[in-house]
PDB file of N, CA and C in Angstrom:
ATOM      1  N   MET A   1      99.539  81.453 120.575  1.00  0.00           N
ATOM      2  CA  MET A   1      98.939  81.259 119.344  1.00  0.00           C
ATOM      3  C   MET A   1      97.793  82.016 119.094  1.00  0.00           C
ATOM      4  N   ALA A   2      97.472  82.536 117.768  1.00  0.00           N
ATOM      5  CA  ALA A   2      96.491  83.347 117.837  1.00  0.00           C
ATOM      6  C   ALA A   2      94.812  82.505 117.872  1.00  0.00           C
ATOM      7  N   THR A   3      93.837  83.182 118.258  1.00  0.00           N
ATOM      8  CA  THR A   3      92.654  82.439 118.103  1.00  0.00           C
ATOM      9  C   THR A   3      91.816  83.009 116.905  1.00  0.00           C
ATOM     10  N   ILE A   4      91.194  82.051 116.132  1.00  0.00           N
ATOM     11  CA  ILE A   4      90.452  82.560 114.974  1.00  0.00           C
ATOM     12  C   ILE A   4      89.137  82.155 115.316  1.00  0.00           C
ATOM     13  N   GLU A   5      88.193  83.657 115.204  1.00  0.00           N
ATOM     14  CA  GLU A   5      86.855  83.396 115.378  1.00  0.00           C
ATOM     15  C   GLU A   5      86.226  83.484 114.126  1.00  0.00           C
ATOM     16  N   VAL A   6      85.519  82.662 113.578  1.00  0.00           N
ATOM     17  CA  VAL A   6      84.475  82.971 112.495  1.00  0.00           C
ATOM     18  C   VAL A   6      83.061  83.049 113.066  1.00  0.00           C
ATOM     19  N   ASN A   7      82.450  84.071 112.424  1.00  0.00           N
ATOM     20  CA  ASN A   7      80.900  84.189 112.396  1.00  0.00           C
ATOM     21  C   ASN A   7      80.293  84.576 110.877  1.00  0.00           C
ATOM     22  N   ASP A   8      78.954  84.762 111.198  1.00  0.00           N
ATOM     23  CA  ASP A   8      78.514  85.086 109.786  1.00  0.00           C
ATOM     24  C   ASP A   8      78.908  86.176 108.910  1.00  0.00           C
ATOM     25  N   ARG A   9      79.440  87.389 109.574  1.00  0.00           N
ATOM     26  CA  ARG A   9      80.115  88.332 108.927  1.00  0.00           C
ATOM     27  C   ARG A   9      81.303  88.867 109.112  1.00  0.00           C
ATOM     28  N   THR A  10      82.151  88.126 109.747  1.00  0.00           N
ATOM     29  CA  THR A  10      83.445  88.487 110.061  1.00  0.00           C
ATOM     30  C   THR A  10      84.256  87.297 110.336  1.00  0.00           C
ATOM     31  N   VAL A  11      85.629  87.546 110.250  1.00  0.00           N
ATOM     32  CA  VAL A  11      86.570  86.617 110.853  1.00  0.00           C
ATOM     33  C   VAL A  11      87.563  87.502 111.549  1.00  0.00           C
ATOM     34  N   THR A  12      87.933  87.056 113.006  1.00  0.00           N
ATOM     35  CA  THR A  12      88.426  87.941 113.793  1.00  0.00           C
ATOM     36  C   THR A  12      89.847  86.801 114.042  1.00  0.00           C
ATOM     37  N   ILE A  13      90.925  87.309 113.989  1.00  0.00           N
ATOM     38  CA  ILE A  13      92.078  86.846 114.389  1.00  0.00           C
ATOM     39  C   ILE A  13      92.729  87.670 115.678  1.00  0.00           C
ATOM     40  N   ARG A  14      92.342  87.089 116.815  1.00  0.00           N
ATOM     41  CA  ARG A  14      92.783  87.378 118.187  1.00  0.00           C
ATOM     42  C   ARG A  14      94.171  87.250 118.437  1.00  0.00           C
ATOM     43  N   LEU A  15      95.008  88.258 119.059  1.00  0.00           N
ATOM     44  CA  LEU A  15      96.366  87.938 119.461  1.00  0.00           C
ATOM     45  C   LEU A  15      96.598  88.008 120.752  1.00  0.00           C
ATOM     46  N   SER A  16      97.541  87.233 121.080  1.00  0.00           N
ATOM     47  CA  SER A  16      97.908  87.456 122.479  1.00  0.00           C
ATOM     48  C   SER A  16      98.982  88.704 122.952  1.00  0.00           C
ATOM     49  N   THR A  17      98.857  88.970 123.890  1.00  0.00           N
ATOM     50  CA  THR A  17      99.952  90.327 124.266  1.00  0.00           C
ATOM     51  C   THR A  17     101.281  90.220 123.471  1.00  0.00           C
ATOM     52  N   ARG A  18     102.042  88.765 123.851  1.00  0.00           N
ATOM     53  CA  ARG A  18     103.191  88.827 123.038  1.00  0.00           C
ATOM     54  C   ARG A  18     103.185  89.079 121.733  1.00  0.00           C
ATOM     55  N   GLU A  19     102.025  88.017 121.087  1.00  0.00           N
ATOM     56  CA  GLU A  19     101.892  88.408 119.808  1.00  0.00           C
ATOM     57  C   GLU A  19     101.644  89.916 119.217  1.00  0.00           C
ATOM     58  N   LYS A  20     100.991  90.521 119.981  1.00  0.00           N
ATOM     59  CA  LYS A  20     100.709  92.081 119.259  1.00  0.00           C
ATOM     60  C   LYS A  20     102.098  92.846 119.602  1.00  0.00           C
ATOM     61  N   ILE A  21     102.941  92.243 120.493  1.00  0.00           N
ATOM     62  CA  ILE A  21     104.195  93.137 120.845  1.00  0.00           C
ATOM     63  C   ILE A  21     104.983  92.843 119.538  1.00  0.00           C
ATOM     64  N   ALA A  22     104.948  91.407 119.392  1.00  0.00           N
ATOM     65  CA  ALA A  22     106.157  90.758 118.385  1.00  0.00           C
ATOM     66  C   ALA A  22     105.698  91.341 117.330  1.00  0.00           C
ATOM     67  N   GLY A  23     104.251  91.333 116.595  1.00  0.00           N
ATOM     68  CA  GLY A  23     103.911  91.787 115.336  1.00  0.00           C
ATOM     69  C   GLY A  23     103.463  93.474 115.269  1.00  0.00           C
ATOM     70  N   LEU A  24     103.744  94.204 116.324  1.00  0.00           N
ATOM     71  CA  LEU A  24     103.633  95.305 116.105  1.00  0.00           C
ATOM     72  C   LEU A  24     102.101  95.456 115.637  1.00  0.00           C
ATOM     73  N   HIS A  25     101.033  94.628 115.977  1.00  0.00           N
ATOM     74  CA  HIS A  25     100.023  94.710 115.379  1.00  0.00           C
ATOM     75  C   HIS A  25      98.624  94.343 116.478  1.00  0.00           C
ATOM     76  N   GLY A  26      97.619  94.900 116.530  1.00  0.00           N
ATOM     77  CA  GLY A  26      96.569  94.290 117.137  1.00  0.00           C
ATOM     78  C   GLY A  26      95.744  93.189 116.444  1.00  0.00           C
ATOM     79  N   ASP A  27      94.490  93.224 117.271  1.00  0.00           N
ATOM     80  CA  ASP A  27      93.863  91.949 116.654  1.00  0.00           C
ATOM     81  C   ASP A  27      93.316  92.651 115.186  1.00  0.00           C
ATOM     82  N   LEU A  28      93.060  91.367 114.203  1.00  0.00           N
ATOM     83  CA  LEU A  28      92.659  91.755 112.847  1.00  0.00           C
ATOM     84  C   LEU A  28      91.110  91.237 112.606  1.00  0.00           C
ATOM     85  N   VAL A  29      90.316  92.201 112.085  1.00  0.00           N
ATOM     86  CA  VAL A  29      89.103  91.620 112.000  1.00  0.00           C
ATOM     87  C   VAL A  29      89.000  91.715 110.285  1.00  0.00           C
ATOM     88  N   ILE A  30      88.325  90.852 109.678  1.00  0.00           N
ATOM     89  CA  ILE A  30      88.105  90.629 108.250  1.00  0.00           C
ATOM     90  C   ILE A  30      86.532  90.509 107.929  1.00  0.00           C
ATOM     91  N   ARG A  31      86.005  91.261 107.088  1.00  0.00           N
ATOM     92  CA  ARG A  31      84.614  90.687 106.632  1.00  0.00           C
ATOM     93  C   ARG A  31      84.812  89.812 105.764  1.00  0.00           C
ATOM     94  N   ARG A  32      83.845  89.074 105.895  1.00  0.00           N
ATOM     95  CA  ARG A  32      83.770  87.744 105.173  1.00  0.00           C
ATOM     96  C   ARG A  32      83.745  88.048 103.807  1.00  0.00           C
ATOM     97  N   SER A  33      83.022  89.149 103.228  1.00  0.00           N
ATOM     98  CA  SER A  33      82.802  89.355 102.024  1.00  0.00           C
ATOM     99  C   SER A  33      84.334  90.039 101.606  1.00  0.00           C
ATOM    100  N   ARG A  34      85.213  89.989 102.166  1.00  0.00           N
ATOM    101  CA  ARG A  34      86.503  90.484 101.853  1.00  0.00           C
ATOM    102  C   ARG A  34      87.334  89.500 101.425  1.00  0.00           C
ATOM    103  N   ILE A  35      86.903  88.236 101.731  1.00  0.00           N
ATOM    104  CA  ILE A  35      87.796  87.029 101.590  1.00  0.00           C
ATOM    105  C   ILE A  35      87.591  86.373 100.026  1.00  0.00           C
ATOM    106  N   ARG A  36      88.470  86.607  99.244  1.00  0.00           N
ATOM    107  CA  ARG A  36      88.660  85.641  98.149  1.00  0.00           C
ATOM    108  C   ARG A  36      88.530  84.519  97.984  1.00  0.00           C
ATOM    109  N   ARG A  37      89.640  83.949  98.961  1.00  0.00           N
ATOM    110  CA  ARG A  37      89.838  82.421  99.002  1.00  0.00           C
ATOM    111  C   ARG A  37      90.392  82.215 100.152  1.00  0.00           C
ATOM    112  N   ALA A  38      90.425  81.004 100.917  1.00  0.00           N
ATOM    113  CA  ALA A  38      90.796  80.394 101.959  1.00  0.00           C
ATOM    114  C   ALA A  38      91.252  79.072 101.581  1.00  0.00           C
ATOM    115  N   TYR A  39      92.605  78.820 102.162  1.00  0.00           N
ATOM    116  CA  TYR A  39      93.152  77.373 102.054  1.00  0.00           C
ATOM    117  C   TYR A  39      93.978  77.069 103.104  1.00  0.00           C
ATOM    118  N   ALA A  40      94.256  75.788 103.215  1.00  0.00           N
ATOM    119  CA  ALA A  40      95.311  75.713 104.392  1.00  0.00           C
ATOM    120  C   ALA A  40      96.645  75.125 103.779  1.00  0.00           C
ATOM    121  N   ALA A  41      97.800  75.518 104.358  1.00  0.00           N
ATOM    122  CA  ALA A  41      99.092  75.588 103.615  1.00  0.00           C
ATOM    123  C   ALA A  41      99.866  74.742 104.826  1.00  0.00           C
ATOM    124  N   ALA A  42     100.462  73.858 104.494  1.00  0.00           N
ATOM    125  CA  ALA A  42     101.586  72.797 105.104  1.00  0.00           C
ATOM    126  C   ALA A  42     102.255  73.652 105.647  1.00  0.00           C
ATOM    127  N   ASN A  43     102.822  74.647 105.201  1.00  0.00           N
ATOM    128  CA  ASN A  43     103.838  75.272 106.000  1.00  0.00           C
ATOM    129  C   ASN A  43     103.764  76.844 105.584  1.00  0.00           C
ATOM    130  N   GLY A  44     103.464  77.881 106.621  1.00  0.00           N
ATOM    131  CA  GLY A  44     103.009  78.981 106.388  1.00  0.00           C
ATOM    132  C   GLY A  44     104.312  80.128 105.956  1.00  0.00           C
ATOM    133  N   PHE A  45     105.345  79.520 106.423  1.00  0.00           N
ATOM    134  CA  PHE A  45     106.567  80.295 105.965  1.00  0.00           C
ATOM    135  C   PHE A  45     106.710  80.443 104.428  1.00  0.00           C
ATOM    136  N   SER A  46     106.450  79.588 103.768  1.00  0.00           N
ATOM    137  CA  SER A  46     106.142  79.344 102.107  1.00  0.00           C
ATOM    138  C   SER A  46     105.270  80.354 101.702  1.00  0.00           C
ATOM    139  N   GLU A  47     104.473  81.007 102.261  1.00  0.00           N
ATOM    140  CA  GLU A  47     103.134  81.792 101.527  1.00  0.00           C
ATOM    141  C   GLU A  47     103.704  83.148 102.011  1.00  0.00           C
ATOM    142  N   LEU A  48     105.027  83.400 102.757  1.00  0.00           N
ATOM    143  CA  LEU A  48     105.394  84.908 102.700  1.00  0.00           C
ATOM    144  C   LEU A  48     106.346  84.949 101.459  1.00  0.00           C
ATOM    145  N   HIS A  49     106.276  86.192 101.503  1.00  0.00           N
ATOM    146  CA  HIS A  49     107.062  86.959 100.228  1.00  0.00           C
ATOM    147  C   HIS A  49     107.362  88.148 100.696  1.00  0.00           C
ATOM    148  N   GLY A  50     108.246  88.994 100.361  1.00  0.00           N
ATOM    149  CA  GLY A  50     108.761  90.218 100.522  1.00  0.00           C
ATOM    150  C   GLY A  50     109.487  90.373 101.793  1.00  0.00           C
ATOM    151  N   MET A  51     109.600  91.724 102.337  1.00  0.00           N
ATOM    152  CA  MET A  51     110.256  92.128 103.537  1.00  0.00           C
ATOM    153  C   MET A  51     109.520  92.196 104.729  1.00  0.00           C
ATOM    154  N   ARG A  52     110.037  92.161 105.971  1.00  0.00           N
ATOM    155  CA  ARG A  52     109.080  92.309 107.167  1.00  0.00           C
ATOM    156  C   ARG A  52     109.056  93.894 107.469  1.00  0.00           C
ATOM    157  N   ALA A  53     108.056  94.523 107.643  1.00  0.00           N
ATOM    158  CA  ALA A  53     108.245  95.947 107.790  1.00  0.00           C
ATOM    159  C   ALA A  53     106.895  96.329 108.486  1.00  0.00           C
ATOM    160  N   PRO A  54     106.642  96.556 109.585  1.00  0.00           N
ATOM    161  CA  PRO A  54     107.308  96.292 110.781  1.00  0.00           C
ATOM    162  C   PRO A  54     106.877  94.748 111.044  1.00  0.00           C
ATOM    163  N   GLY A  55     107.682  94.293 112.318  1.00  0.00           N
ATOM    164  CA  GLY A  55     107.344  92.838 112.990  1.00  0.00           C
ATOM    165  C   GLY A  55     108.512  92.241 113.414  1.00  0.00           C
ATOM    166  N   THR A  56     108.487  90.892 113.528  1.00  0.00           N
ATOM    167  CA  THR A  56     109.443  90.094 113.956  1.00  0.00           C
ATOM    168  C   THR A  56     109.541  89.015 113.192  1.00  0.00           C
ATOM    169  N   GLY A  57     110.738  88.640 112.949  1.00  0.00           N
ATOM    170  CA  GLY A  57     110.995  87.549 111.969  1.00  0.00           C
ATOM    171  C   GLY A  57     112.291  86.827 112.406  1.00  0.00           C
ATOM    172  N   VAL A  58     112.469  85.477 112.618  1.00  0.00           N
ATOM    173  CA  VAL A  58     113.650  84.457 112.326  1.00  0.00           C
ATOM    174  C   VAL A  58     113.121  83.225 111.629  1.00  0.00           C
ATOM    175  N   PRO A  59     113.995  83.115 110.732  1.00  0.00           N
ATOM    176  CA  PRO A  59     113.338  82.410 109.502  1.00  0.00           C
ATOM    177  C   PRO A  59     113.352  80.755 109.717  1.00  0.00           C
ATOM    178  N   THR A  60     112.038  80.207 109.931  1.00  0.00           N
ATOM    179  CA  THR A  60     111.572  78.820 110.093  1.00  0.00           C
ATOM    180  C   THR A  60     110.906  78.804 111.367  1.00  0.00           C
ATOM    181  N   ILE A  61     111.167  79.798 112.198  1.00  0.00           N
ATOM    182  CA  ILE A  61     110.747  80.002 113.549  1.00  0.00           C
ATOM    183  C   ILE A  61     109.477  80.645 113.845  1.00  0.00           C
ATOM    184  N   ILE A  62     109.784  81.960 113.500  1.00  0.00           N
ATOM    185  CA  ILE A  62     108.652  83.004 113.602  1.00  0.00           C
ATOM    186  C   ILE A  62     108.629  84.082 112.790  1.00  0.00           C
ATOM    187  N   ALA A  63     107.436  84.516 112.257  1.00  0.00           N
ATOM    188  CA  ALA A  63     107.052  85.569 111.423  1.00  0.00           C
ATOM    189  C   ALA A  63     105.983  86.368 111.766  1.00  0.00           C
ATOM    190  N   MET A  64     105.783  87.526 112.329  1.00  0.00           N
ATOM    191  CA  MET A  64     104.885  88.095 112.656  1.00  0.00           C
ATOM    192  C   MET A  64     104.967  89.439 112.493  1.00  0.00           C
ATOM    193  N   GLY A  65     103.661  90.045 111.811  1.00  0.00           N
ATOM    194  CA  GLY A  65     104.005  91.530 111.618  1.00  0.00           C
ATOM    195  C   GLY A  65     103.231  91.520 110.329  1.00  0.00           C
ATOM    196  N   THR A  66     103.902  92.547 109.604  1.00  0.00           N
ATOM    197  CA  THR A  66     103.414  92.939 107.945  1.00  0.00           C
ATOM    198  C   THR A  66     104.560  92.459 107.289  1.00  0.00           C
ATOM    199  N   TRP A  67     104.297  91.893 105.989  1.00  0.00           N
ATOM    200  CA  TRP A  67     105.459  91.646 104.927  1.00  0.00           C
ATOM    201  C   TRP A  67     104.801  92.046 104.086  1.00  0.00           C
ATOM    202  N   ARG A  68     105.728  92.984 103.276  1.00  0.00           N
ATOM    203  CA  ARG A  68     105.520  94.247 102.108  1.00  0.00           C
ATOM    204  C   ARG A  68     106.441  92.928 101.031  1.00  0.00           C
ATOM    205  N   GLY A  69     105.731  93.084  99.773  1.00  0.00           N
ATOM    206  CA  GLY A  69     106.132  92.294  98.648  1.00  0.00           C
ATOM    207  C   GLY A  69     105.044  93.490  97.393  1.00  0.00           C
ATOM    208  N   LYS A  70     104.379  92.531  96.779  1.00  0.00           N
ATOM    209  CA  LYS A  70     103.298  92.580  95.928  1.00  0.00           C
ATOM    210  C   LYS A  70     101.946  92.666  96.738  1.00  0.00           C
ATOM    211  N   GLY A  71     102.140  93.815  97.552  1.00  0.00           N
ATOM    212  CA  GLY A  71     100.906  93.951  98.235  1.00  0.00           C
ATOM    213  C   GLY A  71     101.293  93.238  99.467  1.00  0.00           C
ATOM    214  N   LYS A  72     100.483  94.030 100.680  1.00  0.00           N
ATOM    215  CA  LYS A  72     100.853  93.698 102.088  1.00  0.00           C
ATOM    216  C   LYS A  72     100.194  92.317 102.717  1.00  0.00           C
ATOM    217  N   THR A  73     101.131  91.509 103.273  1.00  0.00           N
ATOM    218  CA  THR A  73     100.696  90.408 104.009  1.00  0.00           C
ATOM    219  C   THR A  73     100.757  90.320 105.600  1.00  0.00           C
ATOM    220  N   TYR A  74      99.770  89.971 106.151  1.00  0.00           N
ATOM    221  CA  TYR A  74      99.618  90.137 107.524  1.00  0.00           C
ATOM    222  C   TYR A  74     100.269  88.516 108.205  1.00  0.00           C
ATOM    223  N   ALA A  75     101.032  88.556 108.839  1.00  0.00           N
ATOM    224  CA  ALA A  75     101.746  87.126 109.190  1.00  0.00           C
ATOM    225  C   ALA A  75     101.657  87.091 110.568  1.00  0.00           C
ATOM    226  N   ASN A  76     101.114  85.753 111.165  1.00  0.00           N
ATOM    227  CA  ASN A  76     101.100  85.336 112.676  1.00  0.00           C
ATOM    228  C   ASN A  76     101.462  83.662 112.236  1.00  0.00           C
ATOM    229  N   VAL A  77     102.811  83.532 111.831  1.00  0.00           N
ATOM    230  CA  VAL A  77     103.271  82.189 111.635  1.00  0.00           C
ATOM    231  C   VAL A  77     104.438  81.691 112.417  1.00  0.00           C
ATOM    232  N   THR A  78     104.304  80.699 112.982  1.00  0.00           N
ATOM    233  CA  THR A  78     105.273  79.619 113.533  1.00  0.00           C
ATOM    234  C   THR A  78     105.234  78.386 112.759  1.00  0.00           C
ATOM    235  N   ARG A  79     105.920  77.284 113.424  1.00  0.00           N
ATOM    236  CA  ARG A  79     105.912  76.006 112.587  1.00  0.00           C
ATOM    237  C   ARG A  79     104.446  75.244 112.626  1.00  0.00           C
ATOM    238  N   GLY A  80     104.588  74.819 111.208  1.00  0.00           N
ATOM    239  CA  GLY A  80     102.983  73.983 111.479  1.00  0.00           C
ATOM    240  C   GLY A  80     102.455  74.424 110.555  1.00  0.00           C
ATOM    241  N   GLU A  81     101.005  73.902 110.281  1.00  0.00           N
ATOM    242  CA  GLU A  81      99.924  74.398 109.249  1.00  0.00           C
ATOM    243  C   GLU A  81      99.161  75.653 109.526  1.00  0.00           C
ATOM    244  N   ALA A  82      99.237  76.490 108.435  1.00  0.00           N
ATOM    245  CA  ALA A  82      98.488  77.743 108.138  1.00  0.00           C
ATOM    246  C   ALA A  82      97.584  77.996 107.209  1.00  0.00           C
ATOM    247  N   LEU A  83      96.510  78.878 108.075  1.00  0.00           N
ATOM    248  CA  LEU A  83      95.169  79.160 107.201  1.00  0.00           C
ATOM    249  C   LEU A  83      95.837  80.252 106.541  1.00  0.00           C
ATOM    250  N   VAL A  84      95.474  80.314 105.092  1.00  0.00           N
ATOM    251  CA  VAL A  84      96.159  81.633 104.096  1.00  0.00           C
ATOM    252  C   VAL A  84      94.386  82.069 103.936  1.00  0.00           C
ATOM    253  N   LEU A  85      94.468  83.621 103.739  1.00  0.00           N
ATOM    254  CA  LEU A  85      93.483  84.280 103.525  1.00  0.00           C
ATOM    255  C   LEU A  85      93.730  85.119 102.306  1.00  0.00           C
ATOM    256  N   ASP A  86      93.277  84.730 101.314  1.00  0.00           N
ATOM    257  CA  ASP A  86      93.600  86.026 100.153  1.00  0.00           C
ATOM    258  C   ASP A  86      92.490  86.967 100.003  1.00  0.00           C
ATOM    259  N   LEU A  87      92.551  88.345  99.991  1.00  0.00           N
ATOM    260  CA  LEU A  87      91.875  88.816 100.384  1.00  0.00           C
ATOM    261  C   LEU A  87      91.504  90.281  99.153  1.00  0.00           C
ATOM    262  N   ARG A  88      90.378  90.887  99.318  1.00  0.00           N
ATOM    263  CA  ARG A  88      90.158  91.934  98.098  1.00  0.00           C
ATOM    264  C   ARG A  88      89.598  93.366  98.989  1.00  0.00           C
ATOM    265  N   ASP A  89      90.014  94.190  98.630  1.00  0.00           N
ATOM    266  CA  ASP A  89      89.316  95.682  99.086  1.00  0.00           C
ATOM    267  C   ASP A  89      89.507  95.332 100.354  1.00  0.00           C
ATOM    268  N   HIS A  90      90.825  95.206 100.891  1.00  0.00           N
ATOM    269  CA  HIS A  90      91.104  95.107 102.203  1.00  0.00           C
ATOM    270  C   HIS A  90      92.720  95.932 102.439  1.00  0.00           C
ATOM    271  N   GLU A  91      92.785  96.304 103.593  1.00  0.00           N
ATOM    272  CA  GLU A  91      94.458  96.930 103.840  1.00  0.00           C
ATOM    273  C   GLU A  91      95.475  95.775 103.417  1.00  0.00           C
ATOM    274  N   TYR A  92      95.206  94.531 103.919  1.00  0.00           N
ATOM    275  CA  TYR A  92      96.118  93.297 103.344  1.00  0.00           C
ATOM    276  C   TYR A  92      95.649  92.539 102.237  1.00  0.00           C
ATOM    277  N   LYS A  93      96.722  92.345 101.446  1.00  0.00           N
ATOM    278  CA  LYS A  93      96.003  91.593 100.287  1.00  0.00           C
ATOM    279  C   LYS A  93      96.168  90.075 100.714  1.00  0.00           C
ATOM    280  N   ARG A  94      96.881  89.300 101.834  1.00  0.00           N
ATOM    281  CA  ARG A  94      96.718  88.404 102.438  1.00  0.00           C
ATOM    282  C   ARG A  94      96.992  88.361 103.743  1.00  0.00           C
ATOM    283  N   ALA A  95      96.331  87.015 104.199  1.00  0.00           N
ATOM    284  CA  ALA A  95      96.649  86.765 105.761  1.00  0.00           C
ATOM    285  C   ALA A  95      97.311  85.597 106.134  1.00  0.00           C
ATOM    286  N   VAL A  96      98.042  85.282 106.519  1.00  0.00           N
ATOM    287  CA  VAL A  96      98.489  84.035 106.922  1.00  0.00           C
ATOM    288  C   VAL A  96      98.751  83.549 108.162  1.00  0.00           C
ATOM    289  N   ILE A  97      97.971  82.773 109.019  1.00  0.00           N
ATOM    290  CA  ILE A  97      98.260  82.477 110.182  1.00  0.00           C
ATOM    291  C   ILE A  97      98.204  81.032 110.899  1.00  0.00           C
ATOM    292  N   THR A  98      98.937  80.602 111.573  1.00  0.00           N
ATOM    293  CA  THR A  98      99.229  79.167 111.911  1.00  0.00           C
ATOM    294  C   THR A  98      98.332  78.833 112.943  1.00  0.00           C
ATOM    295  N   THR A  99      97.495  77.911 112.759  1.00  0.00           N
ATOM    296  CA  THR A  99      96.640  77.085 113.682  1.00  0.00           C
ATOM    297  C   THR A  99      96.436  75.949 113.322  1.00  0.00           C
ATOM    298  N   PRO A 100      96.222  75.096 114.200  1.00  0.00           N
ATOM    299  CA  PRO A 100      95.978  73.641 113.949  1.00  0.00           C
ATOM    300  C   PRO A 100      94.927  73.130 113.212  1.00  0.00           C
ATOM    301  N   ASP A 101      93.830  74.277 113.467  1.00  0.00           N
ATOM    302  CA  ASP A 101      92.609  74.082 112.722  1.00  0.00           C
ATOM    303  C   ASP A 101      92.607  74.525 111.132  1.00  0.00           C
ATOM    304  N   ALA A 102      93.538  75.132 110.772  1.00  0.00           N
ATOM    305  CA  ALA A 102      93.445  75.465 109.208  1.00  0.00           C
ATOM    306  C   ALA A 102      92.832  74.980 108.190  1.00  0.00           C
ATOM    307  N   GLY A 103      92.291  73.613 108.252  1.00  0.00           N
ATOM    308  CA  GLY A 103      91.696  72.987 107.056  1.00  0.00           C
ATOM    309  C   GLY A 103      90.489  73.320 107.201  1.00  0.00           C
ATOM    310  N   ALA A 104      89.817  72.909 108.710  1.00  0.00           N
ATOM    311  CA  ALA A 104      88.529  73.083 108.809  1.00  0.00           C
ATOM    312  C   ALA A 104      88.167  74.313 108.720  1.00  0.00           C
ATOM    313  N   ILE A 105      88.730  75.462 109.234  1.00  0.00           N
ATOM    314  CA  ILE A 105      88.508  76.952 109.147  1.00  0.00           C
ATOM    315  C   ILE A 105      88.542  77.070 107.633  1.00  0.00           C
ATOM    316  N   ALA A 106      89.388  76.663 106.636  1.00  0.00           N
ATOM    317  CA  ALA A 106      89.298  77.087 105.323  1.00  0.00           C
ATOM    318  C   ALA A 106      87.965  76.571 104.821  1.00  0.00           C
ATOM    319  N   ALA A 107      87.739  75.129 105.217  1.00  0.00           N
ATOM    320  CA  ALA A 107      86.367  74.491 104.540  1.00  0.00           C
ATOM    321  C   ALA A 107      85.100  75.386 105.181  1.00  0.00           C
ATOM    322  N   GLN A 108      85.211  75.870 106.289  1.00  0.00           N
ATOM    323  CA  GLN A 108      84.114  76.428 106.827  1.00  0.00           C
ATOM    324  C   GLN A 108      83.698  77.917 105.946  1.00  0.00           C
ATOM    325  N   LEU A 109      85.226  78.421 105.757  1.00  0.00           N
ATOM    326  CA  LEU A 109      84.925  79.848 104.869  1.00  0.00           C
ATOM    327  C   LEU A 109      84.600  79.618 103.340  1.00  0.00           C
ATOM    328  N   GLY A 110      84.721  78.020 102.893  1.00  0.00           N
ATOM    329  CA  GLY A 110      84.393  77.890 101.565  1.00  0.00           C
ATOM    330  C   GLY A 110      85.006  78.394 100.441  1.00  0.00           C
TER     331      GLY A 110
END
């Protein structure tokens, strides 16, 4: 499972080697000033729209990589609660990451 680190300037999503391979993506660093909104979603899969390209996806099991629809979404989703970050002036329009601490991290990001 990805580890989410929050400090005064950035949010860093650290991926395991398996997640990097499955998502064809490295760790993601987002400046806090680029986060428009942060919230917890009960089901991360419901927050994904569009087509996976590139990455790995098995419906309702795993979604890792880039989803392309109306803008790009970075996904690291398995079953469970997810942190959703709506972004501005960033390569990605959104980031959706499964974490048991989604509510607390969203509150911390305000």
